[in-house]
Amino acid sequence: MLQKKMIKQFREAFHDDARVVAALMFGSFAIGEGDAFSDIEFAVFIQDDAFEDFEQCSWLNAVSPVAAYFMDDFGHYTALFENGIRGEFHFMRKTDIPIISTWRGYGWFPSLEAAVLLDRSGELSQHASVLVGGPPLREGAPLVKGLALNLVSLMLFGANLLNRGEYARAWALLSKVHENLLKMVRLHERATEHWPTPSRALEADLSEAVYKRYVTCTASAEPGALCTAYHESWKWSLELFENVAGAMNIELPETVMAQVHKLLDEAVTHCNVG
């Protein structure tokens, strides 16, 4: 696999450059799920006194030819390599190593050996050890209440957009709705392995019936189909509120939820008129 060859090349380059004091691989390949379509992802720590003069793109290009290197929409530096592989790189100072422990609850890997590519002082392993194990448990009333309230809020936003006739914007918002919806679904189905990106491996993580139900919540930006998708998303949300939030005696704003329902019904009328 091309990515595995590149990981080996980067591991060697980290070891060969004395300015690099530690390097961590995260993402798909660190947890054993990487395939021919996966990115490669690294956190690289540079000696503090060498950091300002460390030319990131030039360094990467010396390991594997780079077509473009830029900051993406999430604030991460992304390399597009000439061979078609995407790479995410976090170049940081040595004194930033403790930041790795703050990834707890988000990132994880099965062992230090799977993730730590270089650790000259042992400090990286010390802070990365809190990430070793399986996927973090996702549970508790505060988590569920936050998801549920976000769902209500986003559905209210989307219902207003539908009634205003901003279908393209409502379509774009639907993906945010589904981030929260799918996390509720994963809690209900006890399938939280891919929590940070809940759509990841959804086809494999959910039963065929549950996945088919999710498909009914999706649509193009065509008004009629979009209104149907919002209705299906809301219907499922209400069921999840009862089954997941209700079991924890979590109270949700019923007046707002009634308004969402009303607006969605009105949106269908507008779609049919249009």
Protein backbone atom coordinates (compact mmCIF):
# COMPACT_ATOMS: atom_id res chain seq x y z
CA MET A 1 0.00 0.00 0.00
CA LEU A 2 1.37 3.39 -1.03
CA GLN A 3 0.46 5.03 2.28
CA LYS A 4 2.37 2.42 4.29
CA LYS A 5 5.44 3.02 2.14
CA MET A 6 5.13 6.76 2.81
CA ILE A 7 4.70 6.19 6.55
CA LYS A 8 7.95 4.23 6.52
CA GLN A 9 9.67 7.03 4.60
CA PHE A 10 8.45 9.66 7.05
CA ARG A 11 9.47 7.57 10.05
CA GLU A 12 13.01 7.38 8.64
CA ALA A 13 13.05 11.11 7.86
CA PHE A 14 11.96 11.95 11.41
CA HIS A 15 14.79 9.84 12.83
CA ASP A 16 17.37 11.31 10.45
CA ASP A 17 16.65 14.96 11.27
CA ALA A 18 18.02 16.01 14.67
CA ARG A 19 15.64 18.99 14.72
CA VAL A 20 12.72 16.56 15.02
CA VAL A 21 12.49 15.42 18.64
CA ALA A 22 9.23 13.46 18.50
CA ALA A 23 6.60 12.34 16.01
CA LEU A 24 3.17 10.80 16.46
CA MET A 25 0.96 9.17 13.85
CA PHE A 26 -2.79 9.39 14.41
CA GLY A 27 -5.92 8.69 12.41
CA SER A 28 -6.83 5.60 10.41
CA PHE A 29 -3.42 4.00 10.21
CA ALA A 30 -2.74 4.42 13.93
CA ILE A 31 -5.90 2.48 14.82
CA GLY A 32 -5.43 -0.18 12.14
CA GLU A 33 -8.21 0.98 9.81
CA GLY A 34 -6.16 2.63 7.08
CA ASP A 35 -6.77 1.54 3.49
CA ALA A 36 -5.82 2.65 -0.01
CA PHE A 37 -8.18 5.65 0.27
CA SER A 38 -7.03 6.93 3.69
CA ASP A 39 -5.03 10.04 4.55
CA ILE A 40 -1.79 9.93 6.52
CA GLU A 41 -1.71 12.10 9.65
CA PHE A 42 1.15 13.17 11.90
CA ALA A 43 1.97 15.45 14.80
CA VAL A 44 5.64 16.45 14.55
CA PHE A 45 7.58 18.24 17.29
CA ILE A 46 10.60 20.41 16.44
CA GLN A 47 13.35 21.74 18.69
CA ASP A 48 12.16 25.13 19.91
CA ASP A 49 15.20 27.03 18.68
CA ALA A 50 14.86 25.46 15.21
CA PHE A 51 11.12 25.85 14.77
CA GLU A 52 11.00 29.33 13.18
CA ASP A 53 13.47 28.37 10.46
CA PHE A 54 11.96 24.93 9.83
CA GLU A 55 10.59 25.04 6.27
CA GLN A 56 7.67 22.62 6.51
CA CYS A 57 6.81 22.31 2.82
CA SER A 58 10.42 21.95 1.75
CA TRP A 59 10.99 19.30 4.40
CA LEU A 60 7.92 17.34 3.28
CA ASN A 61 8.88 17.69 -0.37
CA ALA A 62 12.27 16.11 0.33
CA VAL A 63 10.49 13.02 1.65
CA SER A 64 7.77 12.80 -1.00
CA PRO A 65 7.06 15.34 -3.80
CA VAL A 66 4.39 17.85 -2.73
CA ALA A 67 1.93 19.37 -5.21
CA ALA A 68 0.39 21.79 -2.67
CA TYR A 69 0.70 22.60 1.02
CA PHE A 70 -1.88 24.84 2.68
CA MET A 71 -4.08 25.50 5.72
CA ASP A 72 -7.47 23.86 5.29
CA ASP A 73 -10.89 24.97 6.56
CA PHE A 74 -10.25 23.32 9.93
CA GLY A 75 -6.98 25.13 10.58
CA HIS A 76 -4.85 22.07 9.82
CA TYR A 77 -1.97 22.08 7.40
CA THR A 78 -2.66 19.70 4.54
CA ALA A 79 -0.21 18.33 2.02
CA LEU A 80 -1.42 17.13 -1.36
CA PHE A 81 1.33 14.86 -2.60
CA GLU A 82 2.11 14.33 -6.26
CA ASN A 83 1.14 10.67 -5.90
CA GLY A 84 -2.43 11.63 -4.96
CA ILE A 85 -2.18 10.96 -1.22
CA ARG A 86 -3.45 13.55 1.28
CA GLY A 87 -1.50 14.21 4.44
CA GLU A 88 -2.43 16.20 7.56
CA PHE A 89 0.53 17.62 9.46
CA HIS A 90 0.72 19.38 12.81
CA PHE A 91 4.23 20.81 13.16
CA MET A 92 4.73 22.10 16.70
CA ARG A 93 7.48 23.09 19.12
CA LYS A 94 8.99 20.60 21.54
CA THR A 95 7.45 22.53 24.42
CA ASP A 96 4.02 21.81 22.90
CA ILE A 97 4.31 18.05 23.46
CA PRO A 98 1.96 18.10 26.51
CA ILE A 99 -0.89 19.16 24.21
CA ILE A 100 -1.18 15.53 23.09
CA SER A 101 -2.76 14.55 26.40
CA THR A 102 -5.61 16.99 25.68
CA TRP A 103 -6.68 14.79 22.77
CA ARG A 104 -8.12 12.35 25.31
CA GLY A 105 -11.77 11.70 24.55
CA TYR A 106 -11.24 12.44 20.87
CA GLY A 107 -8.25 10.50 19.60
CA TRP A 108 -7.04 7.04 20.60
CA PHE A 109 -4.81 4.19 19.41
CA PRO A 110 -4.34 0.57 20.49
CA SER A 111 -0.74 0.94 21.67
CA LEU A 112 2.11 3.43 21.85
CA GLU A 113 3.98 1.35 19.29
CA ALA A 114 1.17 1.88 16.79
CA ALA A 115 1.36 5.66 17.03
CA VAL A 116 4.71 6.90 18.33
CA LEU A 117 7.18 7.02 15.43
CA LEU A 118 9.92 8.91 17.26
CA ASP A 119 10.44 9.93 20.87
CA ARG A 120 14.00 10.94 21.64
CA SER A 121 13.34 11.95 25.26
CA GLY A 122 10.37 9.76 26.21
CA GLU A 123 8.20 12.81 26.89
CA LEU A 124 5.83 12.17 23.98
CA SER A 125 5.12 8.61 25.15
CA GLN A 126 4.39 9.91 28.62
CA HIS A 127 1.69 12.27 27.39
CA ALA A 128 0.39 9.96 24.65
CA SER A 129 -0.10 7.06 27.06
CA VAL A 130 -3.49 8.47 28.14
CA LEU A 131 -4.75 7.85 24.57
CA VAL A 132 -3.90 4.14 24.58
CA GLY A 133 -6.82 1.72 24.62
CA GLY A 134 -10.08 1.39 22.76
CA PRO A 135 -12.52 4.08 21.69
CA PRO A 136 -13.61 6.21 24.67
CA LEU A 137 -16.97 5.49 26.25
CA ARG A 138 -19.73 7.85 25.16
CA GLU A 139 -22.41 8.07 27.80
CA GLY A 140 -24.06 10.22 30.43
CA ALA A 141 -26.91 12.71 30.68
CA PRO A 142 -24.82 15.84 29.94
CA LEU A 143 -23.64 14.35 26.63
CA VAL A 144 -27.14 13.25 25.60
CA LYS A 145 -28.74 16.55 26.64
CA GLY A 146 -26.19 18.51 24.63
CA LEU A 147 -26.81 16.41 21.53
CA ALA A 148 -30.57 16.66 21.90
CA LEU A 149 -30.58 20.43 22.37
CA ASN A 150 -28.28 20.90 19.40
CA LEU A 151 -30.64 18.78 17.32
CA VAL A 152 -33.65 20.87 18.36
CA SER A 153 -31.75 24.08 17.64
CA LEU A 154 -30.50 22.99 14.23
CA MET A 155 -33.89 21.62 13.22
CA LEU A 156 -35.50 24.95 14.18
CA PHE A 157 -32.88 26.75 12.09
CA GLY A 158 -33.45 24.43 9.15
CA ALA A 159 -37.24 24.68 9.37
CA ASN A 160 -36.98 28.48 9.23
CA LEU A 161 -34.72 28.27 6.18
CA LEU A 162 -37.18 25.99 4.40
CA ASN A 163 -40.02 28.42 5.03
CA ARG A 164 -37.90 31.30 3.79
CA GLY A 165 -37.19 29.38 0.61
CA GLU A 166 -33.43 29.15 1.19
CA TYR A 167 -33.23 25.55 0.07
CA ALA A 168 -29.54 25.48 -0.76
CA ARG A 169 -28.70 26.80 2.70
CA ALA A 170 -31.12 24.35 4.35
CA TRP A 171 -29.50 21.52 2.40
CA ALA A 172 -26.03 22.55 3.62
CA LEU A 173 -27.32 22.75 7.20
CA LEU A 174 -28.76 19.24 7.02
CA SER A 175 -25.27 17.75 7.31
CA LYS A 176 -24.85 19.54 10.66
CA VAL A 177 -28.23 18.22 11.75
CA HIS A 178 -27.08 14.73 10.88
CA GLU A 179 -23.86 15.00 12.87
CA ASN A 180 -25.97 15.22 16.01
CA LEU A 181 -28.65 12.84 14.79
CA LEU A 182 -26.11 10.14 13.96
CA LYS A 183 -24.46 10.48 17.35
CA MET A 184 -27.85 9.91 18.95
CA VAL A 185 -28.36 6.93 16.65
CA ARG A 186 -24.94 5.54 17.57
CA LEU A 187 -25.76 5.85 21.27
CA HIS A 188 -29.05 4.03 20.74
CA GLU A 189 -27.41 1.31 18.65
CA ARG A 190 -24.35 1.06 20.93
CA ALA A 191 -22.05 1.69 17.97
CA THR A 192 -19.90 4.63 19.12
CA GLU A 193 -16.52 3.48 17.76
CA HIS A 194 -16.39 6.26 15.17
CA TRP A 195 -17.84 9.01 17.32
CA PRO A 196 -15.83 12.11 16.27
CA THR A 197 -16.95 11.65 12.65
CA PRO A 198 -20.27 9.85 13.09
CA SER A 199 -20.83 9.22 9.37
CA ARG A 200 -17.54 7.33 9.13
CA ALA A 201 -17.98 3.60 8.37
CA LEU A 202 -21.71 4.06 8.95
CA GLU A 203 -22.55 1.36 6.43
CA ALA A 204 -20.57 -1.19 8.46
CA ASP A 205 -21.37 0.07 11.97
CA LEU A 206 -25.17 0.12 11.66
CA SER A 207 -27.59 -2.65 10.71
CA GLU A 208 -28.94 -2.61 7.18
CA ALA A 209 -32.36 -1.51 8.41
CA VAL A 210 -30.99 1.39 10.46
CA TYR A 211 -28.78 2.53 7.59
CA LYS A 212 -31.74 2.46 5.21
CA ARG A 213 -33.63 4.64 7.62
CA TYR A 214 -30.77 7.12 7.62
CA VAL A 215 -30.91 7.25 3.82
CA THR A 216 -34.54 8.43 4.06
CA CYS A 217 -33.23 11.44 6.01
CA THR A 218 -30.99 12.53 3.13
CA ALA A 219 -31.90 14.44 -0.02
CA SER A 220 -30.80 16.75 -2.79
CA ALA A 221 -31.53 20.47 -2.60
CA GLU A 222 -34.77 19.96 -4.53
CA PRO A 223 -37.44 21.53 -2.26
CA GLY A 224 -39.86 18.61 -2.02
CA ALA A 225 -37.19 16.02 -1.33
CA LEU A 226 -35.47 18.34 1.13
CA CYS A 227 -38.65 18.93 3.12
CA THR A 228 -39.18 15.17 3.28
CA ALA A 229 -35.63 14.66 4.53
CA TYR A 230 -36.13 17.23 7.28
CA HIS A 231 -39.41 15.61 8.28
CA GLU A 232 -37.81 12.16 8.45
CA SER A 233 -34.85 13.54 10.41
CA TRP A 234 -37.20 15.20 12.89
CA LYS A 235 -39.40 12.11 13.24
CA TRP A 236 -36.33 10.00 14.05
CA SER A 237 -35.03 12.67 16.40
CA LEU A 238 -38.26 12.58 18.41
CA GLU A 239 -38.03 8.80 18.74
CA LEU A 240 -34.43 9.06 19.90
CA PHE A 241 -35.33 11.77 22.38
CA GLU A 242 -37.87 9.39 23.90
CA ASN A 243 -35.65 6.30 23.84
CA VAL A 244 -32.29 7.82 24.75
CA ALA A 245 -32.95 11.13 26.51
CA GLY A 246 -36.23 9.99 28.05
CA ALA A 247 -34.53 7.06 29.72
CA MET A 248 -32.33 9.59 31.55
CA ASN A 249 -35.24 11.85 32.51
CA ILE A 250 -33.79 14.67 30.42
CA GLU A 251 -36.26 17.50 29.91
CA LEU A 252 -36.30 19.18 26.51
CA PRO A 253 -38.06 22.46 25.49
CA GLU A 254 -41.45 21.18 24.37
CA THR A 255 -42.70 24.57 23.18
CA VAL A 256 -39.73 24.94 20.85
CA MET A 257 -40.12 21.37 19.63
CA ALA A 258 -43.78 22.10 18.85
CA GLN A 259 -42.67 25.13 16.86
CA VAL A 260 -40.25 22.99 14.84
CA HIS A 261 -43.08 20.59 14.02
CA LYS A 262 -45.36 23.46 12.99
CA LEU A 263 -42.71 25.06 10.79
CA LEU A 264 -41.89 21.78 9.09
CA ASP A 265 -45.56 21.22 8.28
CA GLU A 266 -45.77 24.75 6.86
CA ALA A 267 -42.62 24.16 4.81
CA VAL A 268 -44.23 21.16 3.11
CA THR A 269 -47.12 23.38 2.05
CA HIS A 270 -44.69 25.93 0.61
CA CYS A 271 -42.79 23.19 -1.23
CA ASN A 272 -46.00 21.83 -2.75
CA VAL A 273 -47.09 25.30 -3.80
CA GLY A 274 -43.72 25.95 -5.37
